[in-house]
N, C-alpha and C. Protein backbone atom coordinates (compact mmCIF):
# COMPACT_ATOMS: atom_id res chain seq x y z
N UNK A 1 0.85 -1.19 0.00
CA UNK A 1 0.00 0.00 0.00
C UNK A 1 0.89 1.25 0.00
N UNK A 2 0.67 2.10 -0.96
CA UNK A 2 1.47 3.32 -1.08
C UNK A 2 0.87 4.43 -0.20
N UNK A 3 1.73 5.09 0.57
CA UNK A 3 1.28 6.21 1.40
C UNK A 3 1.78 7.50 0.77
N UNK A 4 0.91 8.52 0.81
CA UNK A 4 1.28 9.83 0.30
C UNK A 4 0.45 10.88 1.03
N UNK A 5 0.69 12.13 0.74
CA UNK A 5 0.01 13.22 1.45
C UNK A 5 -1.22 13.73 0.74
N UNK A 6 -1.58 13.19 -0.40
CA UNK A 6 -2.75 13.67 -1.13
C UNK A 6 -4.00 12.92 -0.69
N UNK A 7 -5.11 13.63 -0.68
CA UNK A 7 -6.39 13.03 -0.33
C UNK A 7 -7.47 13.64 -1.22
N UNK A 8 -8.39 12.85 -1.76
CA UNK A 8 -9.46 13.41 -2.57
C UNK A 8 -10.42 14.22 -1.69
N UNK A 9 -10.95 15.29 -2.25
CA UNK A 9 -11.81 16.19 -1.48
C UNK A 9 -13.03 15.48 -0.91
N UNK A 10 -13.57 14.48 -1.60
CA UNK A 10 -14.75 13.80 -1.08
C UNK A 10 -14.43 12.97 0.17
N UNK A 11 -13.15 12.66 0.40
CA UNK A 11 -12.76 11.94 1.61
C UNK A 11 -12.51 12.91 2.77
N UNK A 12 -12.32 14.19 2.47
CA UNK A 12 -12.14 15.19 3.52
C UNK A 12 -13.48 15.54 4.14
N UNK A 13 -14.52 15.62 3.32
CA UNK A 13 -15.86 15.92 3.82
C UNK A 13 -16.26 14.84 4.83
N UNK A 14 -16.75 15.28 5.98
CA UNK A 14 -17.16 14.37 7.03
C UNK A 14 -16.07 14.07 8.05
N UNK A 15 -14.86 14.57 7.81
CA UNK A 15 -13.75 14.35 8.73
C UNK A 15 -13.95 15.19 9.99
N UNK A 16 -13.75 14.61 11.17
CA UNK A 16 -13.94 15.38 12.40
C UNK A 16 -12.88 16.46 12.60
N UNK A 17 -13.29 17.52 13.30
CA UNK A 17 -12.40 18.63 13.66
C UNK A 17 -12.46 18.78 15.18
N UNK A 18 -11.29 18.76 15.81
CA UNK A 18 -11.20 18.92 17.26
C UNK A 18 -10.50 20.23 17.59
N UNK A 19 -11.02 20.89 18.62
CA UNK A 19 -10.49 22.18 19.04
C UNK A 19 -9.31 22.07 19.98
N UNK A 20 -8.88 23.22 20.44
CA UNK A 20 -7.69 23.35 21.29
C UNK A 20 -7.76 22.45 22.52
N UNK A 21 -8.90 22.34 23.14
CA UNK A 21 -9.03 21.53 24.35
C UNK A 21 -9.48 20.10 24.07
N UNK A 22 -9.43 19.69 22.80
CA UNK A 22 -9.81 18.32 22.44
C UNK A 22 -11.28 18.11 22.16
N UNK A 23 -12.10 19.17 22.37
CA UNK A 23 -13.53 19.01 22.12
C UNK A 23 -13.81 18.92 20.63
N UNK A 24 -14.80 18.13 20.27
CA UNK A 24 -15.17 18.01 18.86
C UNK A 24 -15.94 19.27 18.46
N UNK A 25 -15.38 19.99 17.48
CA UNK A 25 -16.03 21.21 17.00
C UNK A 25 -17.06 20.90 15.93
N UNK A 26 -16.88 19.81 15.22
CA UNK A 26 -17.80 19.46 14.15
C UNK A 26 -17.09 18.61 13.12
N UNK A 27 -17.60 18.67 11.90
CA UNK A 27 -16.99 17.93 10.80
C UNK A 27 -16.84 18.87 9.60
N UNK A 28 -15.88 18.55 8.76
CA UNK A 28 -15.70 19.35 7.55
C UNK A 28 -16.83 19.01 6.58
N UNK A 29 -17.54 20.04 6.15
CA UNK A 29 -18.63 19.83 5.20
C UNK A 29 -18.16 20.01 3.76
N UNK A 30 -17.31 21.02 3.55
CA UNK A 30 -16.79 21.26 2.20
C UNK A 30 -15.53 22.09 2.29
N UNK A 31 -14.78 22.07 1.21
CA UNK A 31 -13.60 22.90 1.09
C UNK A 31 -13.89 23.99 0.08
N UNK A 32 -13.43 25.19 0.35
CA UNK A 32 -13.57 26.29 -0.57
C UNK A 32 -12.22 26.51 -1.24
N UNK A 33 -12.20 26.39 -2.57
CA UNK A 33 -10.97 26.47 -3.35
C UNK A 33 -10.88 27.78 -4.09
N UNK A 34 -9.67 28.30 -4.18
CA UNK A 34 -9.43 29.48 -5.00
C UNK A 34 -9.41 29.02 -6.46
N UNK A 35 -10.29 29.58 -7.28
CA UNK A 35 -10.40 29.16 -8.68
C UNK A 35 -9.13 29.39 -9.48
N UNK A 36 -8.39 30.42 -9.15
CA UNK A 36 -7.20 30.75 -9.93
C UNK A 36 -5.99 29.93 -9.49
N UNK A 37 -5.71 29.91 -8.18
CA UNK A 37 -4.51 29.21 -7.70
C UNK A 37 -4.75 27.72 -7.49
N UNK A 38 -6.00 27.34 -7.26
CA UNK A 38 -6.31 25.94 -6.99
C UNK A 38 -6.07 25.54 -5.55
N UNK A 39 -5.64 26.47 -4.72
CA UNK A 39 -5.35 26.16 -3.32
C UNK A 39 -6.62 26.21 -2.47
N UNK A 40 -6.62 25.42 -1.40
CA UNK A 40 -7.74 25.45 -0.46
C UNK A 40 -7.66 26.75 0.33
N UNK A 41 -8.72 27.51 0.31
CA UNK A 41 -8.77 28.76 1.07
C UNK A 41 -9.23 28.49 2.50
N UNK A 42 -10.33 27.78 2.64
CA UNK A 42 -10.82 27.44 3.96
C UNK A 42 -11.75 26.23 3.89
N UNK A 43 -12.00 25.66 5.05
CA UNK A 43 -12.93 24.56 5.18
C UNK A 43 -14.18 25.08 5.86
N UNK A 44 -15.33 24.59 5.45
CA UNK A 44 -16.58 24.91 6.14
C UNK A 44 -16.82 23.79 7.14
N UNK A 45 -16.82 24.16 8.43
CA UNK A 45 -17.02 23.18 9.50
C UNK A 45 -18.47 23.23 9.95
N UNK A 46 -19.09 22.08 9.92
CA UNK A 46 -20.50 21.94 10.33
C UNK A 46 -20.53 21.54 11.81
N UNK A 47 -21.26 22.33 12.61
CA UNK A 47 -21.32 22.13 14.05
C UNK A 47 -22.79 22.01 14.48
N UNK A 48 -23.07 20.98 15.27
CA UNK A 48 -24.44 20.77 15.76
C UNK A 48 -24.68 21.61 17.00
N UNK A 49 -25.80 22.27 17.03
CA UNK A 49 -26.24 23.03 18.21
C UNK A 49 -27.53 22.41 18.73
N UNK A 50 -27.77 22.52 20.00
CA UNK A 50 -29.00 22.08 20.66
C UNK A 50 -29.41 20.66 20.25
N UNK A 51 -28.63 19.70 20.71
CA UNK A 51 -28.90 18.28 20.50
C UNK A 51 -28.97 17.90 19.03
N UNK A 52 -28.22 18.59 18.21
CA UNK A 52 -28.18 18.25 16.79
C UNK A 52 -29.39 18.68 15.99
N UNK A 53 -30.25 19.50 16.59
CA UNK A 53 -31.45 19.93 15.89
C UNK A 53 -31.21 21.17 15.04
N UNK A 54 -30.12 21.83 15.26
CA UNK A 54 -29.78 23.03 14.48
C UNK A 54 -28.31 22.94 14.11
N UNK A 55 -28.00 23.24 12.84
CA UNK A 55 -26.63 23.17 12.34
C UNK A 55 -26.12 24.55 12.02
N UNK A 56 -24.87 24.79 12.41
CA UNK A 56 -24.18 26.03 12.06
C UNK A 56 -22.99 25.65 11.20
N UNK A 57 -22.66 26.52 10.26
CA UNK A 57 -21.53 26.28 9.37
C UNK A 57 -20.55 27.43 9.52
N UNK A 58 -19.33 27.08 9.90
CA UNK A 58 -18.30 28.08 10.18
C UNK A 58 -17.13 27.92 9.21
N UNK A 59 -16.62 29.02 8.65
CA UNK A 59 -15.41 28.94 7.83
C UNK A 59 -14.18 28.89 8.74
N UNK A 60 -13.29 27.96 8.45
CA UNK A 60 -12.04 27.84 9.21
C UNK A 60 -10.90 27.87 8.21
N UNK A 61 -9.96 28.81 8.37
CA UNK A 61 -8.84 28.88 7.44
C UNK A 61 -8.12 27.52 7.35
N UNK A 62 -7.81 27.11 6.15
CA UNK A 62 -7.17 25.82 5.94
C UNK A 62 -5.87 25.69 6.73
N UNK A 63 -5.11 26.79 6.82
CA UNK A 63 -3.85 26.78 7.55
C UNK A 63 -4.05 26.53 9.04
N UNK A 64 -5.26 26.76 9.55
CA UNK A 64 -5.53 26.56 10.97
C UNK A 64 -5.84 25.10 11.30
N UNK A 65 -5.96 24.24 10.29
CA UNK A 65 -6.26 22.83 10.50
C UNK A 65 -5.01 21.99 10.27
N UNK A 66 -4.79 21.04 11.14
CA UNK A 66 -3.61 20.17 11.06
C UNK A 66 -4.08 18.73 11.20
N UNK A 67 -3.78 17.91 10.20
CA UNK A 67 -4.24 16.53 10.21
C UNK A 67 -3.56 15.75 11.32
N UNK A 68 -4.35 15.00 12.08
CA UNK A 68 -3.86 14.18 13.17
C UNK A 68 -4.20 12.73 12.82
N UNK A 69 -3.21 11.95 12.36
CA UNK A 69 -3.49 10.57 11.96
C UNK A 69 -4.02 9.71 13.11
N UNK A 70 -3.64 10.04 14.34
CA UNK A 70 -4.14 9.29 15.50
C UNK A 70 -5.63 9.42 15.68
N UNK A 71 -6.15 10.60 15.39
CA UNK A 71 -7.60 10.85 15.50
C UNK A 71 -8.32 10.64 14.18
N UNK A 72 -7.53 10.50 13.10
CA UNK A 72 -8.09 10.42 11.75
C UNK A 72 -9.00 11.61 11.49
N UNK A 73 -8.50 12.77 11.91
CA UNK A 73 -9.23 14.01 11.73
C UNK A 73 -8.29 15.19 11.86
N UNK A 74 -8.87 16.38 11.92
CA UNK A 74 -8.09 17.61 11.97
C UNK A 74 -8.17 18.24 13.35
N UNK A 75 -7.04 18.76 13.79
CA UNK A 75 -6.95 19.50 15.04
C UNK A 75 -6.74 20.97 14.70
N UNK A 76 -7.19 21.84 15.60
CA UNK A 76 -7.02 23.28 15.45
C UNK A 76 -6.83 23.90 16.82
N UNK A 77 -6.24 25.07 16.87
CA UNK A 77 -6.09 25.80 18.12
C UNK A 77 -7.34 26.61 18.46
N UNK A 78 -8.34 26.57 17.60
CA UNK A 78 -9.57 27.32 17.82
C UNK A 78 -10.47 26.59 18.82
N UNK A 79 -11.37 27.35 19.40
CA UNK A 79 -12.40 26.79 20.29
C UNK A 79 -13.76 27.09 19.67
N UNK A 80 -14.80 26.51 20.23
CA UNK A 80 -16.15 26.80 19.73
C UNK A 80 -16.48 28.28 19.93
N UNK A 81 -15.95 28.88 20.98
CA UNK A 81 -16.18 30.31 21.20
C UNK A 81 -15.54 31.14 20.09
N UNK A 82 -14.34 30.73 19.64
CA UNK A 82 -13.71 31.42 18.51
C UNK A 82 -14.58 31.33 17.27
N UNK A 83 -15.11 30.15 17.00
CA UNK A 83 -15.97 29.98 15.82
C UNK A 83 -17.22 30.82 15.93
N UNK A 84 -17.85 30.81 17.09
CA UNK A 84 -19.09 31.58 17.28
C UNK A 84 -18.86 33.09 17.15
N UNK A 85 -17.63 33.54 17.41
CA UNK A 85 -17.32 34.97 17.31
C UNK A 85 -17.18 35.41 15.86
N UNK A 86 -17.08 34.47 14.93
CA UNK A 86 -16.86 34.80 13.53
C UNK A 86 -18.10 34.62 12.68
N UNK A 87 -17.92 34.65 11.38
CA UNK A 87 -19.05 34.50 10.47
C UNK A 87 -19.64 33.09 10.55
N UNK A 88 -20.91 33.00 10.23
CA UNK A 88 -21.63 31.74 10.30
C UNK A 88 -22.66 31.72 9.18
N UNK A 89 -23.05 30.54 8.75
CA UNK A 89 -24.05 30.42 7.69
C UNK A 89 -25.33 31.17 8.04
N UNK A 90 -25.65 31.26 9.30
CA UNK A 90 -26.88 31.93 9.71
C UNK A 90 -26.79 33.45 9.60
N UNK A 91 -25.55 33.97 9.43
CA UNK A 91 -25.38 35.41 9.22
C UNK A 91 -25.90 35.77 7.84
N UNK A 92 -26.93 36.57 7.76
CA UNK A 92 -27.55 36.89 6.47
C UNK A 92 -26.63 37.69 5.56
N UNK A 93 -25.65 38.38 6.13
CA UNK A 93 -24.75 39.21 5.34
C UNK A 93 -23.53 38.44 4.83
N UNK A 94 -23.33 37.21 5.28
CA UNK A 94 -22.10 36.50 4.96
C UNK A 94 -22.15 35.88 3.57
N UNK A 95 -21.13 36.20 2.75
CA UNK A 95 -20.99 35.66 1.40
C UNK A 95 -19.86 34.65 1.44
N UNK A 96 -20.16 33.37 1.22
CA UNK A 96 -19.17 32.30 1.35
C UNK A 96 -18.00 32.48 0.39
N UNK A 97 -18.16 33.21 -0.68
CA UNK A 97 -17.08 33.42 -1.63
C UNK A 97 -16.23 34.63 -1.33
N UNK A 98 -16.69 35.51 -0.45
CA UNK A 98 -15.97 36.73 -0.11
C UNK A 98 -15.13 36.47 1.12
N UNK A 99 -13.78 36.54 0.99
CA UNK A 99 -12.91 36.26 2.11
C UNK A 99 -12.40 37.52 2.77
N UNK A 100 -12.99 38.66 2.49
CA UNK A 100 -12.54 39.87 3.17
C UNK A 100 -12.97 39.79 4.63
N UNK A 101 -12.20 40.39 5.53
CA UNK A 101 -12.51 40.27 6.95
C UNK A 101 -13.88 40.85 7.29
N UNK A 102 -14.69 40.08 8.03
CA UNK A 102 -15.98 40.61 8.47
C UNK A 102 -15.76 41.63 9.58
N UNK A 103 -16.75 42.45 9.81
CA UNK A 103 -16.64 43.41 10.90
C UNK A 103 -17.58 42.98 12.00
N UNK A 104 -17.27 43.14 13.24
CA UNK A 104 -16.01 43.63 13.76
C UNK A 104 -15.02 42.50 14.06
N UNK A 105 -15.38 41.24 13.88
CA UNK A 105 -14.55 40.11 14.30
C UNK A 105 -14.48 39.13 13.17
N UNK A 106 -13.89 38.01 13.28
CA UNK A 106 -13.12 37.45 14.38
C UNK A 106 -11.64 37.61 14.15
N UNK A 107 -10.88 37.27 15.15
CA UNK A 107 -9.43 37.43 15.07
C UNK A 107 -8.78 36.41 14.16
N UNK A 108 -9.41 35.25 13.93
CA UNK A 108 -8.77 34.19 13.14
C UNK A 108 -9.05 34.31 11.66
N UNK A 109 -9.89 35.20 11.25
CA UNK A 109 -10.29 35.29 9.83
C UNK A 109 -9.29 36.14 9.07
N UNK A 110 -8.19 35.53 8.66
CA UNK A 110 -7.17 36.31 8.01
C UNK A 110 -6.74 35.73 6.68
N UNK A 111 -7.56 34.90 6.07
CA UNK A 111 -7.16 34.26 4.82
C UNK A 111 -7.24 35.24 3.68
C-alpha cells in the first residue's frame, strides 16, 4: 500500500475537527478552493447546536487545520467560542465566496 500526502476532497468531507481543548467542533462539510490558484482557502465546518437539531456552518482557514493521523481528523487551536465569534451560515450578510474580513470580528479570519 502506497502512502502519500494527497487526499481526494470527497474523503475530507465528514472528517472530524477537534479544538484546542480536544472538544469536537464538528466535521468538515466542504472545502472552498481558490479558482485561480487551486489552493484550499478554507474549510466549512458543520457544528451541531441544541442536541443536533440546528446546524451552524463556520469557515475555518485551511492553515488553521492540522491533520492528526491518530484521531483520523483535523486539530485546530480554535475553540467553539472562537468559531461563534466569527461568520456563520446563519449570518444573512455572509458571502461564502468573499474572504474579506468581516466586521467587527473574528481574530482568526485572516485568509
